[in-house]
N, C-alpha and C. Protein backbone atom coordinates (compact mmCIF):
# COMPACT_ATOMS: atom_id res chain seq x y z
N MET A 1 54.53 113.27 89.40
CA MET A 1 54.82 112.49 90.59
C MET A 1 56.31 112.60 90.92
N LYS A 2 56.62 112.77 92.18
CA LYS A 2 58.00 112.89 92.62
C LYS A 2 58.66 111.52 92.70
N ASN A 3 59.93 111.50 92.35
CA ASN A 3 60.72 110.28 92.53
C ASN A 3 61.19 110.21 93.96
N VAL A 4 61.10 109.05 94.55
CA VAL A 4 61.54 108.85 95.93
C VAL A 4 62.75 107.92 95.91
N VAL A 5 63.82 108.33 96.58
CA VAL A 5 65.00 107.48 96.73
C VAL A 5 65.34 107.41 98.21
N TYR A 6 66.13 106.43 98.55
CA TYR A 6 66.60 106.26 99.92
C TYR A 6 68.12 106.42 99.90
N ILE A 7 68.63 107.23 100.82
CA ILE A 7 70.06 107.53 100.88
C ILE A 7 70.61 107.10 102.22
N ASN A 8 71.82 106.50 102.18
CA ASN A 8 72.51 106.09 103.39
C ASN A 8 73.90 106.71 103.38
N THR A 9 74.23 107.49 104.41
CA THR A 9 75.53 108.15 104.50
C THR A 9 76.34 107.67 105.70
N ASP A 10 75.97 106.55 106.28
CA ASP A 10 76.66 106.01 107.45
C ASP A 10 78.09 105.61 107.08
N ARG A 11 79.07 106.29 107.62
CA ARG A 11 80.47 106.05 107.27
C ARG A 11 80.94 104.65 107.64
N TYR A 12 80.46 104.14 108.75
CA TYR A 12 80.85 102.79 109.19
C TYR A 12 80.40 101.76 108.16
N VAL A 13 79.16 101.87 107.71
CA VAL A 13 78.60 100.95 106.72
C VAL A 13 79.35 101.08 105.40
N ILE A 14 79.58 102.30 104.97
CA ILE A 14 80.26 102.52 103.69
C ILE A 14 81.70 102.01 103.74
N LYS A 15 82.37 102.20 104.87
CA LYS A 15 83.74 101.71 105.02
C LYS A 15 83.80 100.20 104.85
N HIS A 16 82.89 99.48 105.50
CA HIS A 16 82.89 98.02 105.39
C HIS A 16 82.48 97.56 103.99
N LEU A 17 81.58 98.29 103.36
CA LEU A 17 81.19 97.97 101.99
C LEU A 17 82.36 98.17 101.04
N LEU A 18 83.11 99.26 101.21
CA LEU A 18 84.28 99.51 100.37
C LEU A 18 85.35 98.45 100.58
N GLN A 19 85.51 97.97 101.81
CA GLN A 19 86.46 96.89 102.07
C GLN A 19 86.02 95.61 101.37
N GLU A 20 84.72 95.35 101.36
CA GLU A 20 84.20 94.16 100.67
C GLU A 20 84.38 94.27 99.16
N ILE A 21 84.17 95.46 98.62
CA ILE A 21 84.33 95.68 97.18
C ILE A 21 85.80 95.55 96.80
N GLY A 22 86.68 96.18 97.55
CA GLY A 22 88.11 96.13 97.28
C GLY A 22 88.56 97.28 96.39
N ALA A 23 89.80 97.71 96.59
CA ALA A 23 90.35 98.85 95.85
C ALA A 23 90.46 98.56 94.36
N HIS A 24 90.85 97.33 94.01
CA HIS A 24 91.02 97.00 92.59
C HIS A 24 89.68 97.06 91.84
N ARG A 25 88.66 96.48 92.42
CA ARG A 25 87.33 96.48 91.79
C ARG A 25 86.79 97.92 91.65
N LEU A 26 87.00 98.73 92.69
CA LEU A 26 86.56 100.12 92.64
C LEU A 26 87.31 100.89 91.55
N ARG A 27 88.59 100.65 91.44
CA ARG A 27 89.40 101.31 90.40
C ARG A 27 88.92 100.92 89.00
N VAL A 28 88.62 99.65 88.80
CA VAL A 28 88.13 99.17 87.50
C VAL A 28 86.78 99.81 87.16
N GLU A 29 85.89 99.89 88.13
CA GLU A 29 84.58 100.51 87.90
C GLU A 29 84.72 101.99 87.55
N CYS A 30 85.64 102.69 88.23
CA CYS A 30 85.87 104.11 87.93
C CYS A 30 86.44 104.28 86.52
N GLU A 31 87.36 103.41 86.14
CA GLU A 31 87.94 103.49 84.79
C GLU A 31 86.88 103.22 83.73
N ASN A 32 86.00 102.25 83.97
CA ASN A 32 84.94 101.94 83.01
C ASN A 32 83.97 103.10 82.85
N ALA A 33 83.70 103.82 83.93
CA ALA A 33 82.78 104.95 83.89
C ALA A 33 83.50 106.25 83.54
N LYS A 34 84.82 106.18 83.32
CA LYS A 34 85.64 107.35 83.01
C LYS A 34 85.54 108.42 84.10
N LEU A 35 85.66 107.95 85.34
CA LEU A 35 85.63 108.83 86.51
C LEU A 35 86.98 108.77 87.21
N PRO A 36 87.40 109.88 87.83
CA PRO A 36 88.63 109.82 88.63
C PRO A 36 88.43 108.95 89.86
N TYR A 37 89.51 108.35 90.32
CA TYR A 37 89.44 107.48 91.50
C TYR A 37 89.11 108.32 92.73
N PRO A 38 88.09 107.97 93.49
CA PRO A 38 87.70 108.73 94.68
C PRO A 38 88.78 108.69 95.76
N LYS A 39 88.94 109.81 96.46
CA LYS A 39 90.00 109.90 97.47
C LYS A 39 89.47 110.08 98.89
N ARG A 40 88.28 110.62 99.06
CA ARG A 40 87.76 110.89 100.40
C ARG A 40 86.55 110.01 100.69
N MET A 41 86.64 109.26 101.78
CA MET A 41 85.56 108.35 102.12
C MET A 41 84.29 109.09 102.53
N ARG A 42 84.41 110.27 103.10
CA ARG A 42 83.23 111.01 103.57
C ARG A 42 82.35 111.51 102.43
N LEU A 43 82.83 111.45 101.19
CA LEU A 43 82.05 111.90 100.05
C LEU A 43 81.28 110.76 99.37
N PHE A 44 81.42 109.54 99.88
CA PHE A 44 80.64 108.41 99.37
C PHE A 44 79.28 108.38 100.04
N TYR A 45 78.29 107.87 99.32
CA TYR A 45 76.98 107.57 99.91
C TYR A 45 76.29 106.52 99.07
N LEU A 46 75.28 105.88 99.66
CA LEU A 46 74.50 104.86 98.96
C LEU A 46 73.16 105.47 98.57
N GLU A 47 72.69 105.14 97.38
CA GLU A 47 71.38 105.62 96.94
C GLU A 47 70.61 104.44 96.36
N CYS A 48 69.40 104.25 96.87
CA CYS A 48 68.55 103.14 96.45
C CYS A 48 67.26 103.70 95.85
N ASN A 49 66.93 103.25 94.64
CA ASN A 49 65.66 103.63 94.02
C ASN A 49 64.85 102.36 93.79
N ASP A 50 63.80 102.44 92.99
CA ASP A 50 62.95 101.27 92.74
C ASP A 50 63.68 100.14 92.05
N ASP A 51 64.66 100.47 91.22
CA ASP A 51 65.33 99.46 90.40
C ASP A 51 66.55 98.81 91.06
N CYS A 52 67.43 99.64 91.64
CA CYS A 52 68.67 99.09 92.18
C CYS A 52 69.31 100.07 93.17
N THR A 53 70.46 99.66 93.68
CA THR A 53 71.21 100.47 94.64
C THR A 53 72.56 100.82 94.02
N PHE A 54 72.96 102.08 94.20
CA PHE A 54 74.21 102.57 93.65
C PHE A 54 75.12 103.08 94.75
N LEU A 55 76.43 102.90 94.54
CA LEU A 55 77.44 103.58 95.33
C LEU A 55 77.73 104.87 94.59
N LYS A 56 77.51 106.00 95.25
CA LYS A 56 77.71 107.29 94.60
C LYS A 56 78.80 108.07 95.31
N TYR A 57 79.37 109.03 94.57
CA TYR A 57 80.44 109.86 95.09
C TYR A 57 80.17 111.30 94.68
N LYS A 58 80.45 112.21 95.59
CA LYS A 58 80.23 113.64 95.34
C LYS A 58 81.50 114.23 94.72
N TYR A 59 81.58 114.18 93.39
CA TYR A 59 82.69 114.80 92.67
C TYR A 59 82.48 116.30 92.61
N GLN A 60 83.52 117.02 92.27
CA GLN A 60 83.43 118.47 92.17
C GLN A 60 82.45 118.89 91.08
N GLN A 61 82.32 118.09 90.03
CA GLN A 61 81.41 118.38 88.93
C GLN A 61 79.98 117.96 89.24
N GLY A 62 79.77 117.26 90.33
CA GLY A 62 78.44 116.79 90.70
C GLY A 62 78.47 115.34 91.17
N ASP A 63 77.37 114.88 91.70
CA ASP A 63 77.28 113.50 92.19
C ASP A 63 77.18 112.53 91.03
N ARG A 64 77.97 111.45 91.10
CA ARG A 64 77.98 110.44 90.04
C ARG A 64 77.92 109.05 90.64
N ALA A 65 77.23 108.16 89.95
CA ALA A 65 77.17 106.76 90.37
C ALA A 65 78.48 106.09 89.98
N VAL A 66 79.16 105.52 90.95
CA VAL A 66 80.43 104.85 90.69
C VAL A 66 80.18 103.40 90.27
N MET A 67 79.25 102.73 90.98
CA MET A 67 78.97 101.34 90.62
C MET A 67 77.62 100.91 91.18
N LYS A 68 77.09 99.85 90.58
CA LYS A 68 75.84 99.24 91.01
C LYS A 68 76.15 98.20 92.09
N LEU A 69 75.33 98.15 93.14
CA LEU A 69 75.64 97.31 94.30
C LEU A 69 74.67 96.14 94.49
N ASP A 70 74.11 95.61 93.45
CA ASP A 70 73.11 94.55 93.60
C ASP A 70 73.67 93.25 94.16
N GLN A 71 74.94 92.99 93.99
CA GLN A 71 75.51 91.71 94.44
C GLN A 71 76.11 91.78 95.85
N TYR A 72 76.05 92.93 96.49
CA TYR A 72 76.65 93.09 97.81
C TYR A 72 75.60 93.17 98.90
N GLU A 73 76.01 92.82 100.12
CA GLU A 73 75.14 92.89 101.29
C GLU A 73 74.93 94.36 101.65
N LEU A 74 73.67 94.78 101.72
CA LEU A 74 73.34 96.16 102.03
C LEU A 74 72.85 96.30 103.46
N PRO A 75 73.06 97.46 104.08
CA PRO A 75 72.62 97.65 105.46
C PRO A 75 71.11 97.76 105.55
N GLU A 76 70.58 97.39 106.70
CA GLU A 76 69.14 97.49 106.92
C GLU A 76 68.75 98.80 107.58
N THR A 77 69.69 99.44 108.27
CA THR A 77 69.39 100.67 108.99
C THR A 77 70.17 101.84 108.40
N GLY A 78 69.76 103.04 108.79
CA GLY A 78 70.48 104.24 108.39
C GLY A 78 69.99 104.88 107.10
N TRP A 79 68.89 104.40 106.56
CA TRP A 79 68.37 104.93 105.30
C TRP A 79 67.46 106.12 105.56
N THR A 80 67.59 107.14 104.72
CA THR A 80 66.76 108.34 104.80
C THR A 80 65.99 108.47 103.50
N ARG A 81 64.69 108.70 103.60
CA ARG A 81 63.84 108.85 102.43
C ARG A 81 63.95 110.29 101.91
N VAL A 82 64.21 110.45 100.60
CA VAL A 82 64.37 111.76 99.99
C VAL A 82 63.51 111.82 98.74
N SER A 83 62.75 112.89 98.58
CA SER A 83 61.95 113.11 97.37
C SER A 83 62.72 113.98 96.40
N LEU A 84 62.90 113.50 95.18
CA LEU A 84 63.58 114.26 94.13
C LEU A 84 62.55 115.00 93.29
N LYS A 85 62.90 116.17 92.87
CA LYS A 85 61.98 116.97 92.04
C LYS A 85 62.19 116.69 90.58
């Protein structure tokens, strides 16, 4: 059975979500995950599966989950359904 996730790449939504999270909180989450601090907003995206929603970033080494977003207000529109193999 294929895994189905929902992805949101709306820059407006991500910008407001990042403002709500704050630079300090994002930096702490990156340090905890041993990831470099993200520099480009266009490389962020949201990914939602059956369990939770993640803020992800497209690093040069591959896409990585930066933080879990269960406590933040999520957008209702702009989601695209994607089947993972």
